[in-house]
Amino acid sequence: MKDCIFCKIVKKEIPADIVYASDRIIAFPDINPVAPVHILVIPTRHIASMNDLSSDDYDLIGEMVAVAVELAKKKKIAENGYKLLIRTGADGGQEVSHIHLHLIGGAPLYEDIHPA
């Protein structure tokens, strides 16, 4: 999608501190972190929301979760715990229309994802 900020990051039109990259997935820190570790894991292909997934995409979502788990271990937050979050639609709080998985940790977290 032409105006999608995440697609522009994938195409390297906008700089980002990429902490993971493959043909299908990239990950980078959130520009507005809510915890010491706040990384976004996104597919390199534009998919607007969870509602736009097909059954062919289910393995991609599993791969995104696996990448997030590996990043949690790399960032040394796995043992104490972390949160994985995918927001969908306006009422779900999705701000960018491109699927993105939040990896959030490094501090105790309330239910609404704010640090304690």
PDB file of N, CA and C in Angstrom:
ATOM      1  N   MET A   1       0.845  -1.181   0.000  1.00  0.00           N
ATOM      2  CA  MET A   1       0.000   0.000   0.000  1.00  0.00           C
ATOM      3  C   MET A   1       0.888   1.242   0.000  1.00  0.00           C
ATOM      4  N   LYS A   2       0.580   2.165  -0.840  1.00  0.00           N
ATOM      5  CA  LYS A   2       1.434   3.322  -1.105  1.00  0.00           C
ATOM      6  C   LYS A   2       1.669   4.225   0.109  1.00  0.00           C
ATOM      7  N   ASP A   3       0.648   4.496   0.901  1.00  0.00           N
ATOM      8  CA  ASP A   3       0.776   5.443   2.003  1.00  0.00           C
ATOM      9  C   ASP A   3       1.001   4.790   3.370  1.00  0.00           C
ATOM     10  N   CYS A   4       1.182   3.496   3.402  1.00  0.00           N
ATOM     11  CA  CYS A   4       1.353   2.778   4.672  1.00  0.00           C
ATOM     12  C   CYS A   4       2.766   3.013   5.221  1.00  0.00           C
ATOM     13  N   ILE A   5       2.836   3.539   6.439  1.00  0.00           N
ATOM     14  CA  ILE A   5       4.135   3.828   7.049  1.00  0.00           C
ATOM     15  C   ILE A   5       4.963   2.555   7.226  1.00  0.00           C
ATOM     16  N   PHE A   6       4.318   1.443   7.560  1.00  0.00           N
ATOM     17  CA  PHE A   6       5.070   0.207   7.741  1.00  0.00           C
ATOM     18  C   PHE A   6       5.579  -0.329   6.412  1.00  0.00           C
ATOM     19  N   CYS A   7       4.800  -0.183   5.355  1.00  0.00           N
ATOM     20  CA  CYS A   7       5.276  -0.587   4.022  1.00  0.00           C
ATOM     21  C   CYS A   7       6.479   0.264   3.616  1.00  0.00           C
ATOM     22  N   LYS A   8       6.469   1.533   3.990  1.00  0.00           N
ATOM     23  CA  LYS A   8       7.606   2.410   3.682  1.00  0.00           C
ATOM     24  C   LYS A   8       8.845   1.989   4.464  1.00  0.00           C
ATOM     25  N   ILE A   9       8.664   1.501   5.682  1.00  0.00           N
ATOM     26  CA  ILE A   9       9.791   0.979   6.458  1.00  0.00           C
ATOM     27  C   ILE A   9      10.328  -0.282   5.789  1.00  0.00           C
ATOM     28  N   VAL A  10       9.431  -1.170   5.368  1.00  0.00           N
ATOM     29  CA  VAL A  10       9.847  -2.400   4.672  1.00  0.00           C
ATOM     30  C   VAL A  10      10.664  -2.058   3.433  1.00  0.00           C
ATOM     31  N   LYS A  11      10.227  -1.046   2.679  1.00  0.00           N
ATOM     32  CA  LYS A  11      10.906  -0.651   1.438  1.00  0.00           C
ATOM     33  C   LYS A  11      12.120   0.241   1.687  1.00  0.00           C
ATOM     34  N   LYS A  12      12.415   0.505   2.975  1.00  0.00           N
ATOM     35  CA  LYS A  12      13.542   1.360   3.372  1.00  0.00           C
ATOM     36  C   LYS A  12      13.388   2.798   2.891  1.00  0.00           C
ATOM     37  N   GLU A  13      12.149   3.233   2.717  1.00  0.00           N
ATOM     38  CA  GLU A  13      11.874   4.627   2.379  1.00  0.00           C
ATOM     39  C   GLU A  13      11.858   5.492   3.634  1.00  0.00           C
ATOM     40  N   ILE A  14      11.618   4.852   4.780  1.00  0.00           N
ATOM     41  CA  ILE A  14      11.656   5.499   6.091  1.00  0.00           C
ATOM     42  C   ILE A  14      12.635   4.694   6.939  1.00  0.00           C
ATOM     43  N   PRO A  15      13.582   5.359   7.609  1.00  0.00           N
ATOM     44  CA  PRO A  15      14.549   4.606   8.412  1.00  0.00           C
ATOM     45  C   PRO A  15      13.919   4.004   9.667  1.00  0.00           C
ATOM     46  N   ALA A  16      14.434   2.864  10.056  1.00  0.00           N
ATOM     47  CA  ALA A  16      14.029   2.207  11.299  1.00  0.00           C
ATOM     48  C   ALA A  16      15.206   1.369  11.778  1.00  0.00           C
ATOM     49  N   ASP A  17      15.288   1.176  13.075  1.00  0.00           N
ATOM     50  CA  ASP A  17      16.326   0.347  13.674  1.00  0.00           C
ATOM     51  C   ASP A  17      15.845  -1.109  13.618  1.00  0.00           C
ATOM     52  N   ILE A  18      16.105  -1.774  12.518  1.00  0.00           N
ATOM     53  CA  ILE A  18      15.620  -3.142  12.307  1.00  0.00           C
ATOM     54  C   ILE A  18      16.373  -4.095  13.232  1.00  0.00           C
ATOM     55  N   VAL A  19      15.626  -4.814  14.096  1.00  0.00           N
ATOM     56  CA  VAL A  19      16.242  -5.766  15.022  1.00  0.00           C
ATOM     57  C   VAL A  19      16.082  -7.199  14.556  1.00  0.00           C
ATOM     58  N   TYR A  20      15.261  -7.405  13.517  1.00  0.00           N
ATOM     59  CA  TYR A  20      15.090  -8.720  12.898  1.00  0.00           C
ATOM     60  C   TYR A  20      14.592  -8.489  11.474  1.00  0.00           C
ATOM     61  N   ALA A  21      15.094  -9.301  10.548  1.00  0.00           N
ATOM     62  CA  ALA A  21      14.622  -9.199   9.161  1.00  0.00           C
ATOM     63  C   ALA A  21      14.727 -10.545   8.470  1.00  0.00           C
ATOM     64  N   SER A  22      13.671 -10.896   7.748  1.00  0.00           N
ATOM     65  CA  SER A  22      13.658 -12.045   6.851  1.00  0.00           C
ATOM     66  C   SER A  22      12.857 -11.626   5.622  1.00  0.00           C
ATOM     67  N   ASP A  23      12.668 -12.524   4.705  1.00  0.00           N
ATOM     68  CA  ASP A  23      11.863 -12.201   3.521  1.00  0.00           C
ATOM     69  C   ASP A  23      10.415 -11.886   3.890  1.00  0.00           C
ATOM     70  N   ARG A  24       9.918 -12.492   4.972  1.00  0.00           N
ATOM     71  CA  ARG A  24       8.498 -12.372   5.315  1.00  0.00           C
ATOM     72  C   ARG A  24       8.198 -11.466   6.492  1.00  0.00           C
ATOM     73  N   ILE A  25       9.195 -11.189   7.326  1.00  0.00           N
ATOM     74  CA  ILE A  25       8.952 -10.480   8.591  1.00  0.00           C
ATOM     75  C   ILE A  25      10.105  -9.529   8.885  1.00  0.00           C
ATOM     76  N   ILE A  26       9.764  -8.358   9.436  1.00  0.00           N
ATOM     77  CA  ILE A  26      10.779  -7.491  10.031  1.00  0.00           C
ATOM     78  C   ILE A  26      10.283  -7.052  11.404  1.00  0.00           C
ATOM     79  N   ALA A  27      11.233  -6.617  12.229  1.00  0.00           N
ATOM     80  CA  ALA A  27      10.896  -6.134  13.566  1.00  0.00           C
ATOM     81  C   ALA A  27      11.759  -4.919  13.885  1.00  0.00           C
ATOM     82  N   PHE A  28      11.150  -3.983  14.600  1.00  0.00           N
ATOM     83  CA  PHE A  28      11.828  -2.736  14.952  1.00  0.00           C
ATOM     84  C   PHE A  28      11.164  -2.147  16.198  1.00  0.00           C
ATOM     85  N   PRO A  29      11.893  -1.298  16.951  1.00  0.00           N
ATOM     86  CA  PRO A  29      11.305  -0.698  18.151  1.00  0.00           C
ATOM     87  C   PRO A  29      10.143   0.237  17.812  1.00  0.00           C
ATOM     88  N   ASP A  30       9.142   0.229  18.681  1.00  0.00           N
ATOM     89  CA  ASP A  30       8.014   1.155  18.565  1.00  0.00           C
ATOM     90  C   ASP A  30       8.523   2.574  18.842  1.00  0.00           C
ATOM     91  N   ILE A  31       8.051   3.551  18.074  1.00  0.00           N
ATOM     92  CA  ILE A  31       8.520   4.929  18.287  1.00  0.00           C
ATOM     93  C   ILE A  31       7.892   5.565  19.528  1.00  0.00           C
ATOM     94  N   ASN A  32       6.836   4.954  20.064  1.00  0.00           N
ATOM     95  CA  ASN A  32       6.207   5.430  21.296  1.00  0.00           C
ATOM     96  C   ASN A  32       6.123   4.276  22.290  1.00  0.00           C
ATOM     97  N   PRO A  33       7.267   3.853  22.832  1.00  0.00           N
ATOM     98  CA  PRO A  33       7.259   2.663  23.696  1.00  0.00           C
ATOM     99  C   PRO A  33       6.478   2.875  24.991  1.00  0.00           C
ATOM    100  N   VAL A  34       5.829   1.810  25.434  1.00  0.00           N
ATOM    101  CA  VAL A  34       5.099   1.841  26.703  1.00  0.00           C
ATOM    102  C   VAL A  34       5.829   1.052  27.780  1.00  0.00           C
ATOM    103  N   ALA A  35       6.988   0.496  27.429  1.00  0.00           N
ATOM    104  CA  ALA A  35       7.797  -0.291  28.356  1.00  0.00           C
ATOM    105  C   ALA A  35       9.242  -0.236  27.867  1.00  0.00           C
ATOM    106  N   PRO A  36      10.191  -0.665  28.706  1.00  0.00           N
ATOM    107  CA  PRO A  36      11.588  -0.640  28.288  1.00  0.00           C
ATOM    108  C   PRO A  36      11.856  -1.403  26.982  1.00  0.00           C
ATOM    109  N   VAL A  37      11.149  -2.504  26.775  1.00  0.00           N
ATOM    110  CA  VAL A  37      11.221  -3.218  25.496  1.00  0.00           C
ATOM    111  C   VAL A  37       9.844  -3.121  24.852  1.00  0.00           C
ATOM    112  N   HIS A  38       9.801  -2.545  23.668  1.00  0.00           N
ATOM    113  CA  HIS A  38       8.546  -2.445  22.915  1.00  0.00           C
ATOM    114  C   HIS A  38       8.915  -2.525  21.440  1.00  0.00           C
ATOM    115  N   ILE A  39       8.774  -3.718  20.893  1.00  0.00           N
ATOM    116  CA  ILE A  39       9.173  -4.002  19.517  1.00  0.00           C
ATOM    117  C   ILE A  39       7.940  -4.371  18.707  1.00  0.00           C
ATOM    118  N   LEU A  40       7.880  -3.874  17.479  1.00  0.00           N
ATOM    119  CA  LEU A  40       6.817  -4.238  16.552  1.00  0.00           C
ATOM    120  C   LEU A  40       7.339  -5.292  15.586  1.00  0.00           C
ATOM    121  N   VAL A  41       6.577  -6.358  15.423  1.00  0.00           N
ATOM    122  CA  VAL A  41       6.897  -7.435  14.488  1.00  0.00           C
ATOM    123  C   VAL A  41       5.837  -7.384  13.397  1.00  0.00           C
ATOM    124  N   ILE A  42       6.265  -7.187  12.141  1.00  0.00           N
ATOM    125  CA  ILE A  42       5.298  -7.001  11.056  1.00  0.00           C
ATOM    126  C   ILE A  42       5.619  -7.899   9.876  1.00  0.00           C
ATOM    127  N   PRO A  43       4.595  -8.265   9.105  1.00  0.00           N
ATOM    128  CA  PRO A  43       4.875  -8.953   7.844  1.00  0.00           C
ATOM    129  C   PRO A  43       5.392  -7.952   6.813  1.00  0.00           C
ATOM    130  N   THR A  44       6.262  -8.400   5.939  1.00  0.00           N
ATOM    131  CA  THR A  44       6.768  -7.506   4.897  1.00  0.00           C
ATOM    132  C   THR A  44       5.706  -7.252   3.829  1.00  0.00           C
ATOM    133  N   ARG A  45       4.743  -8.137   3.730  1.00  0.00           N
ATOM    134  CA  ARG A  45       3.623  -7.962   2.798  1.00  0.00           C
ATOM    135  C   ARG A  45       2.512  -7.206   3.509  1.00  0.00           C
ATOM    136  N   HIS A  46       1.901  -6.259   2.817  1.00  0.00           N
ATOM    137  CA  HIS A  46       0.831  -5.474   3.430  1.00  0.00           C
ATOM    138  C   HIS A  46      -0.414  -6.333   3.647  1.00  0.00           C
ATOM    139  N   ILE A  47      -0.811  -6.424   4.902  1.00  0.00           N
ATOM    140  CA  ILE A  47      -2.084  -7.026   5.309  1.00  0.00           C
ATOM    141  C   ILE A  47      -2.680  -6.024   6.288  1.00  0.00           C
ATOM    142  N   ALA A  48      -3.813  -5.457   5.953  1.00  0.00           N
ATOM    143  CA  ALA A  48      -4.355  -4.338   6.725  1.00  0.00           C
ATOM    144  C   ALA A  48      -4.686  -4.703   8.171  1.00  0.00           C
ATOM    145  N   SER A  49      -5.351  -5.820   8.400  1.00  0.00           N
ATOM    146  CA  SER A  49      -5.732  -6.192   9.769  1.00  0.00           C
ATOM    147  C   SER A  49      -5.911  -7.695   9.859  1.00  0.00           C
ATOM    148  N   MET A  50      -6.121  -8.164  11.056  1.00  0.00           N
ATOM    149  CA  MET A  50      -6.356  -9.593  11.266  1.00  0.00           C
ATOM    150  C   MET A  50      -7.568 -10.063  10.472  1.00  0.00           C
ATOM    151  N   ASN A  51      -8.515  -9.166  10.252  1.00  0.00           N
ATOM    152  CA  ASN A  51      -9.720  -9.517   9.501  1.00  0.00           C
ATOM    153  C   ASN A  51      -9.428  -9.790   8.027  1.00  0.00           C
ATOM    154  N   ASP A  52      -8.263  -9.393   7.552  1.00  0.00           N
ATOM    155  CA  ASP A  52      -7.899  -9.588   6.150  1.00  0.00           C
ATOM    156  C   ASP A  52      -7.045 -10.828   5.915  1.00  0.00           C
ATOM    157  N   LEU A  53      -6.797 -11.603   6.969  1.00  0.00           N
ATOM    158  CA  LEU A  53      -6.017 -12.830   6.815  1.00  0.00           C
ATOM    159  C   LEU A  53      -6.823 -13.892   6.079  1.00  0.00           C
ATOM    160  N   SER A  54      -6.125 -14.689   5.311  1.00  0.00           N
ATOM    161  CA  SER A  54      -6.732 -15.889   4.734  1.00  0.00           C
ATOM    162  C   SER A  54      -6.096 -17.089   5.430  1.00  0.00           C
ATOM    163  N   SER A  55      -6.635 -18.255   5.218  1.00  0.00           N
ATOM    164  CA  SER A  55      -6.060 -19.450   5.843  1.00  0.00           C
ATOM    165  C   SER A  55      -4.613 -19.662   5.388  1.00  0.00           C
ATOM    166  N   ASP A  56      -4.249 -19.140   4.242  1.00  0.00           N
ATOM    167  CA  ASP A  56      -2.866 -19.233   3.764  1.00  0.00           C
ATOM    168  C   ASP A  56      -1.904 -18.392   4.599  1.00  0.00           C
ATOM    169  N   ASP A  57      -2.428 -17.462   5.382  1.00  0.00           N
ATOM    170  CA  ASP A  57      -1.594 -16.567   6.187  1.00  0.00           C
ATOM    171  C   ASP A  57      -1.369 -17.053   7.613  1.00  0.00           C
ATOM    172  N   TYR A  58      -2.028 -18.115   8.007  1.00  0.00           N
ATOM    173  CA  TYR A  58      -1.937 -18.545   9.402  1.00  0.00           C
ATOM    174  C   TYR A  58      -0.509 -18.900   9.800  1.00  0.00           C
ATOM    175  N   ASP A  59       0.256 -19.486   8.903  1.00  0.00           N
ATOM    176  CA  ASP A  59       1.642 -19.807   9.233  1.00  0.00           C
ATOM    177  C   ASP A  59       2.469 -18.532   9.418  1.00  0.00           C
ATOM    178  N   LEU A  60       2.116 -17.473   8.714  1.00  0.00           N
ATOM    179  CA  LEU A  60       2.803 -16.190   8.864  1.00  0.00           C
ATOM    180  C   LEU A  60       2.600 -15.636  10.270  1.00  0.00           C
ATOM    181  N   ILE A  61       1.387 -15.718  10.770  1.00  0.00           N
ATOM    182  CA  ILE A  61       1.108 -15.235  12.135  1.00  0.00           C
ATOM    183  C   ILE A  61       1.899 -16.071  13.144  1.00  0.00           C
ATOM    184  N   GLY A  62       1.960 -17.368  12.947  1.00  0.00           N
ATOM    185  CA  GLY A  62       2.763 -18.231  13.824  1.00  0.00           C
ATOM    186  C   GLY A  62       4.230 -17.850  13.776  1.00  0.00           C
ATOM    187  N   GLU A  63       4.725 -17.532  12.594  1.00  0.00           N
ATOM    188  CA  GLU A  63       6.118 -17.107  12.447  1.00  0.00           C
ATOM    189  C   GLU A  63       6.358 -15.773  13.153  1.00  0.00           C
ATOM    190  N   MET A  64       5.402 -14.863  13.082  1.00  0.00           N
ATOM    191  CA  MET A  64       5.531 -13.583  13.790  1.00  0.00           C
ATOM    192  C   MET A  64       5.633 -13.813  15.299  1.00  0.00           C
ATOM    193  N   VAL A  65       4.825 -14.712  15.830  1.00  0.00           N
ATOM    194  CA  VAL A  65       4.870 -15.020  17.262  1.00  0.00           C
ATOM    195  C   VAL A  65       6.224 -15.645  17.612  1.00  0.00           C
ATOM    196  N   ALA A  66       6.704 -16.574  16.783  1.00  0.00           N
ATOM    197  CA  ALA A  66       8.001 -17.212  17.037  1.00  0.00           C
ATOM    198  C   ALA A  66       9.134 -16.184  17.036  1.00  0.00           C
ATOM    199  N   VAL A  67       9.081 -15.238  16.115  1.00  0.00           N
ATOM    200  CA  VAL A  67      10.092 -14.167  16.080  1.00  0.00           C
ATOM    201  C   VAL A  67      10.018 -13.343  17.363  1.00  0.00           C
ATOM    202  N   ALA A  68       8.815 -13.005  17.799  1.00  0.00           N
ATOM    203  CA  ALA A  68       8.656 -12.226  19.029  1.00  0.00           C
ATOM    204  C   ALA A  68       9.235 -12.971  20.230  1.00  0.00           C
ATOM    205  N   VAL A  69       8.998 -14.264  20.313  1.00  0.00           N
ATOM    206  CA  VAL A  69       9.534 -15.065  21.420  1.00  0.00           C
ATOM    207  C   VAL A  69      11.063 -15.050  21.386  1.00  0.00           C
ATOM    208  N   GLU A  70      11.642 -15.220  20.214  1.00  0.00           N
ATOM    209  CA  GLU A  70      13.106 -15.184  20.087  1.00  0.00           C
ATOM    210  C   GLU A  70      13.662 -13.809  20.468  1.00  0.00           C
ATOM    211  N   LEU A  71      12.975 -12.754  20.065  1.00  0.00           N
ATOM    212  CA  LEU A  71      13.414 -11.406  20.447  1.00  0.00           C
ATOM    213  C   LEU A  71      13.299 -11.188  21.958  1.00  0.00           C
ATOM    214  N   ALA A  72      12.254 -11.745  22.579  1.00  0.00           N
ATOM    215  CA  ALA A  72      12.114 -11.642  24.036  1.00  0.00           C
ATOM    216  C   ALA A  72      13.297 -12.310  24.725  1.00  0.00           C
ATOM    217  N   LYS A  73      13.722 -13.447  24.208  1.00  0.00           N
ATOM    218  CA  LYS A  73      14.895 -14.131  24.776  1.00  0.00           C
ATOM    219  C   LYS A  73      16.149 -13.296  24.547  1.00  0.00           C
ATOM    220  N   LYS A  74      16.311 -12.772  23.346  1.00  0.00           N
ATOM    221  CA  LYS A  74      17.489 -11.963  23.006  1.00  0.00           C
ATOM    222  C   LYS A  74      17.567 -10.701  23.871  1.00  0.00           C
ATOM    223  N   LYS A  75      16.408 -10.098  24.159  1.00  0.00           N
ATOM    224  CA  LYS A  75      16.354  -8.884  24.974  1.00  0.00           C
ATOM    225  C   LYS A  75      16.339  -9.191  26.474  1.00  0.00           C
ATOM    226  N   LYS A  76      16.417 -10.477  26.812  1.00  0.00           N
ATOM    227  CA  LYS A  76      16.481 -10.943  28.208  1.00  0.00           C
ATOM    228  C   LYS A  76      15.247 -10.563  29.033  1.00  0.00           C
ATOM    229  N   ILE A  77      14.079 -10.620  28.396  1.00  0.00           N
ATOM    230  CA  ILE A  77      12.833 -10.371  29.131  1.00  0.00           C
ATOM    231  C   ILE A  77      11.965 -11.625  29.212  1.00  0.00           C
ATOM    232  N   ALA A  78      12.418 -12.710  28.586  1.00  0.00           N
ATOM    233  CA  ALA A  78      11.591 -13.922  28.522  1.00  0.00           C
ATOM    234  C   ALA A  78      11.337 -14.530  29.892  1.00  0.00           C
ATOM    235  N   GLU A  79      12.358 -14.575  30.717  1.00  0.00           N
ATOM    236  CA  GLU A  79      12.216 -15.241  32.008  1.00  0.00           C
ATOM    237  C   GLU A  79      11.225 -14.537  32.923  1.00  0.00           C
ATOM    238  N   ASN A  80      11.246 -13.212  32.970  1.00  0.00           N
ATOM    239  CA  ASN A  80      10.333 -12.470  33.843  1.00  0.00           C
ATOM    240  C   ASN A  80       8.954 -12.270  33.230  1.00  0.00           C
ATOM    241  N   GLY A  81       8.863 -12.391  31.910  1.00  0.00           N
ATOM    242  CA  GLY A  81       7.573 -12.280  31.243  1.00  0.00           C
ATOM    243  C   GLY A  81       7.459 -11.069  30.348  1.00  0.00           C
ATOM    244  N   TYR A  82       6.515 -11.153  29.443  1.00  0.00           N
ATOM    245  CA  TYR A  82       6.289 -10.105  28.452  1.00  0.00           C
ATOM    246  C   TYR A  82       4.870 -10.246  27.937  1.00  0.00           C
ATOM    247  N   LYS A  83       4.471  -9.281  27.149  1.00  0.00           N
ATOM    248  CA  LYS A  83       3.130  -9.290  26.583  1.00  0.00           C
ATOM    249  C   LYS A  83       3.244  -9.270  25.068  1.00  0.00           C
ATOM    250  N   LEU A  84       2.399 -10.062  24.391  1.00  0.00           N
ATOM    251  CA  LEU A  84       2.240 -10.021  22.944  1.00  0.00           C
ATOM    252  C   LEU A  84       0.842  -9.494  22.663  1.00  0.00           C
ATOM    253  N   LEU A  85       0.749  -8.520  21.759  1.00  0.00           N
ATOM    254  CA  LEU A  85      -0.532  -7.865  21.513  1.00  0.00           C
ATOM    255  C   LEU A  85      -0.686  -7.557  20.029  1.00  0.00           C
ATOM    256  N   ILE A  86      -1.825  -7.923  19.480  1.00  0.00           N
ATOM    257  CA  ILE A  86      -2.204  -7.508  18.130  1.00  0.00           C
ATOM    258  C   ILE A  86      -3.539  -6.785  18.256  1.00  0.00           C
ATOM    259  N   ARG A  87      -3.564  -5.540  17.859  1.00  0.00           N
ATOM    260  CA  ARG A  87      -4.799  -4.750  17.888  1.00  0.00           C
ATOM    261  C   ARG A  87      -5.463  -4.851  16.513  1.00  0.00           C
ATOM    262  N   THR A  88      -6.786  -4.906  16.491  1.00  0.00           N
ATOM    263  CA  THR A  88      -7.521  -5.016  15.237  1.00  0.00           C
ATOM    264  C   THR A  88      -8.664  -4.014  15.217  1.00  0.00           C
ATOM    265  N   GLY A  89      -8.669  -3.151  14.208  1.00  0.00           N
ATOM    266  CA  GLY A  89      -9.752  -2.192  14.014  1.00  0.00           C
ATOM    267  C   GLY A  89      -9.729  -1.042  14.998  1.00  0.00           C
ATOM    268  N   ALA A  90     -10.592  -0.079  14.736  1.00  0.00           N
ATOM    269  CA  ALA A  90     -10.648   1.143  15.545  1.00  0.00           C
ATOM    270  C   ALA A  90     -10.949   0.848  17.013  1.00  0.00           C
ATOM    271  N   ASP A  91     -11.952   0.023  17.288  1.00  0.00           N
ATOM    272  CA  ASP A  91     -12.296  -0.274  18.677  1.00  0.00           C
ATOM    273  C   ASP A  91     -11.220  -1.099  19.368  1.00  0.00           C
ATOM    274  N   GLY A  92     -10.410  -1.807  18.597  1.00  0.00           N
ATOM    275  CA  GLY A  92      -9.304  -2.570  19.156  1.00  0.00           C
ATOM    276  C   GLY A  92      -8.058  -1.725  19.369  1.00  0.00           C
ATOM    277  N   GLY A  93      -8.107  -0.478  18.921  1.00  0.00           N
ATOM    278  CA  GLY A  93      -6.983   0.422  19.118  1.00  0.00           C
ATOM    279  C   GLY A  93      -5.920   0.358  18.034  1.00  0.00           C
ATOM    280  N   GLN A  94      -6.229  -0.273  16.890  1.00  0.00           N
ATOM    281  CA  GLN A  94      -5.245  -0.357  15.805  1.00  0.00           C
ATOM    282  C   GLN A  94      -5.049   1.030  15.197  1.00  0.00           C
ATOM    283  N   GLU A  95      -3.814   1.523  15.239  1.00  0.00           N
ATOM    284  CA  GLU A  95      -3.514   2.867  14.745  1.00  0.00           C
ATOM    285  C   GLU A  95      -2.933   2.872  13.337  1.00  0.00           C
ATOM    286  N   VAL A  96      -2.266   1.780  12.942  1.00  0.00           N
ATOM    287  CA  VAL A  96      -1.699   1.666  11.595  1.00  0.00           C
ATOM    288  C   VAL A  96      -2.367   0.477  10.918  1.00  0.00           C
ATOM    289  N   SER A  97      -2.904   0.700   9.729  1.00  0.00           N
ATOM    290  CA  SER A  97      -3.607  -0.367   9.004  1.00  0.00           C
ATOM    291  C   SER A  97      -2.616  -1.289   8.298  1.00  0.00           C
ATOM    292  N   HIS A  98      -1.850  -1.987   9.091  1.00  0.00           N
ATOM    293  CA  HIS A  98      -0.900  -3.013   8.650  1.00  0.00           C
ATOM    294  C   HIS A  98      -0.696  -3.871   9.885  1.00  0.00           C
ATOM    295  N   ILE A  99      -0.973  -5.158   9.783  1.00  0.00           N
ATOM    296  CA  ILE A  99      -0.854  -6.026  10.956  1.00  0.00           C
ATOM    297  C   ILE A  99       0.493  -5.813  11.626  1.00  0.00           C
ATOM    298  N   HIS A 100       0.465  -5.681  12.939  1.00  0.00           N
ATOM    299  CA  HIS A 100       1.699  -5.594  13.702  1.00  0.00           C
ATOM    300  C   HIS A 100       1.496  -6.197  15.089  1.00  0.00           C
ATOM    301  N   LEU A 101       2.468  -6.983  15.475  1.00  0.00           N
ATOM    302  CA  LEU A 101       2.475  -7.654  16.769  1.00  0.00           C
ATOM    303  C   LEU A 101       3.392  -6.865  17.694  1.00  0.00           C
ATOM    304  N   HIS A 102       2.862  -6.434  18.832  1.00  0.00           N
ATOM    305  CA  HIS A 102       3.654  -5.722  19.832  1.00  0.00           C
ATOM    306  C   HIS A 102       4.296  -6.745  20.770  1.00  0.00           C
ATOM    307  N   LEU A 103       5.601  -6.651  20.955  1.00  0.00           N
ATOM    308  CA  LEU A 103       6.321  -7.370  22.004  1.00  0.00           C
ATOM    309  C   LEU A 103       6.649  -6.321  23.054  1.00  0.00           C
ATOM    310  N   ILE A 104       6.091  -6.496  24.261  1.00  0.00           N
ATOM    311  CA  ILE A 104       6.197  -5.487  25.306  1.00  0.00           C
ATOM    312  C   ILE A 104       6.698  -6.149  26.584  1.00  0.00           C
ATOM    313  N   GLY A 105       7.740  -5.589  27.166  1.00  0.00           N
ATOM    314  CA  GLY A 105       8.251  -6.164  28.409  1.00  0.00           C
ATOM    315  C   GLY A 105       9.370  -5.343  29.003  1.00  0.00           C
ATOM    316  N   GLY A 106      10.021  -5.944  29.990  1.00  0.00           N
ATOM    317  CA  GLY A 106      11.113  -5.269  30.677  1.00  0.00           C
ATOM    318  C   GLY A 106      10.671  -4.544  31.925  1.00  0.00           C
ATOM    319  N   ALA A 107       9.397  -4.646  32.262  1.00  0.00           N
ATOM    320  CA  ALA A 107       8.826  -4.028  33.465  1.00  0.00           C
ATOM    321  C   ALA A 107       7.504  -4.716  33.760  1.00  0.00           C
ATOM    322  N   PRO A 108       7.044  -4.681  35.017  1.00  0.00           N
ATOM    323  CA  PRO A 108       5.702  -5.201  35.301  1.00  0.00           C
ATOM    324  C   PRO A 108       4.669  -4.419  34.486  1.00  0.00           C
ATOM    325  N   LEU A 109       3.682  -5.113  33.954  1.00  0.00           N
ATOM    326  CA  LEU A 109       2.701  -4.474  33.075  1.00  0.00           C
ATOM    327  C   LEU A 109       1.292  -4.642  33.624  1.00  0.00           C
ATOM    328  N   TYR A 110       0.521  -3.544  33.557  1.00  0.00           N
ATOM    329  CA  TYR A 110      -0.902  -3.611  33.869  1.00  0.00           C
ATOM    330  C   TYR A 110      -1.621  -4.234  32.683  1.00  0.00           C
ATOM    331  N   GLU A 111      -2.872  -4.557  32.850  1.00  0.00           N
ATOM    332  CA  GLU A 111      -3.680  -5.127  31.771  1.00  0.00           C
ATOM    333  C   GLU A 111      -3.767  -4.217  30.572  1.00  0.00           C
ATOM    334  N   ASP A 112      -3.748  -2.914  30.770  1.00  0.00           N
ATOM    335  CA  ASP A 112      -3.885  -1.992  29.634  1.00  0.00           C
ATOM    336  C   ASP A 112      -2.536  -1.646  28.998  1.00  0.00           C
ATOM    337  N   ILE A 113      -1.539  -2.438  29.253  1.00  0.00           N
ATOM    338  CA  ILE A 113      -0.168  -2.409  28.720  1.00  0.00           C
ATOM    339  C   ILE A 113       0.697  -1.264  29.221  1.00  0.00           C
ATOM    340  N   HIS A 114       0.280  -0.548  30.220  1.00  0.00           N
ATOM    341  CA  HIS A 114       1.130   0.499  30.753  1.00  0.00           C
ATOM    342  C   HIS A 114       2.057  -0.098  31.819  1.00  0.00           C
ATOM    343  N   PRO A 115       3.294   0.378  31.879  1.00  0.00           N
ATOM    344  CA  PRO A 115       4.206  -0.131  32.923  1.00  0.00           C
ATOM    345  C   PRO A 115       3.677   0.179  34.317  1.00  0.00           C
ATOM    346  N   ALA A 116       4.007  -0.677  35.253  1.00  0.00           N
ATOM    347  CA  ALA A 116       3.584  -0.467  36.638  1.00  0.00           C
ATOM    348  C   ALA A 116       4.344   0.668  37.275  1.00  0.00           C
TER     349      ALA A 116
END
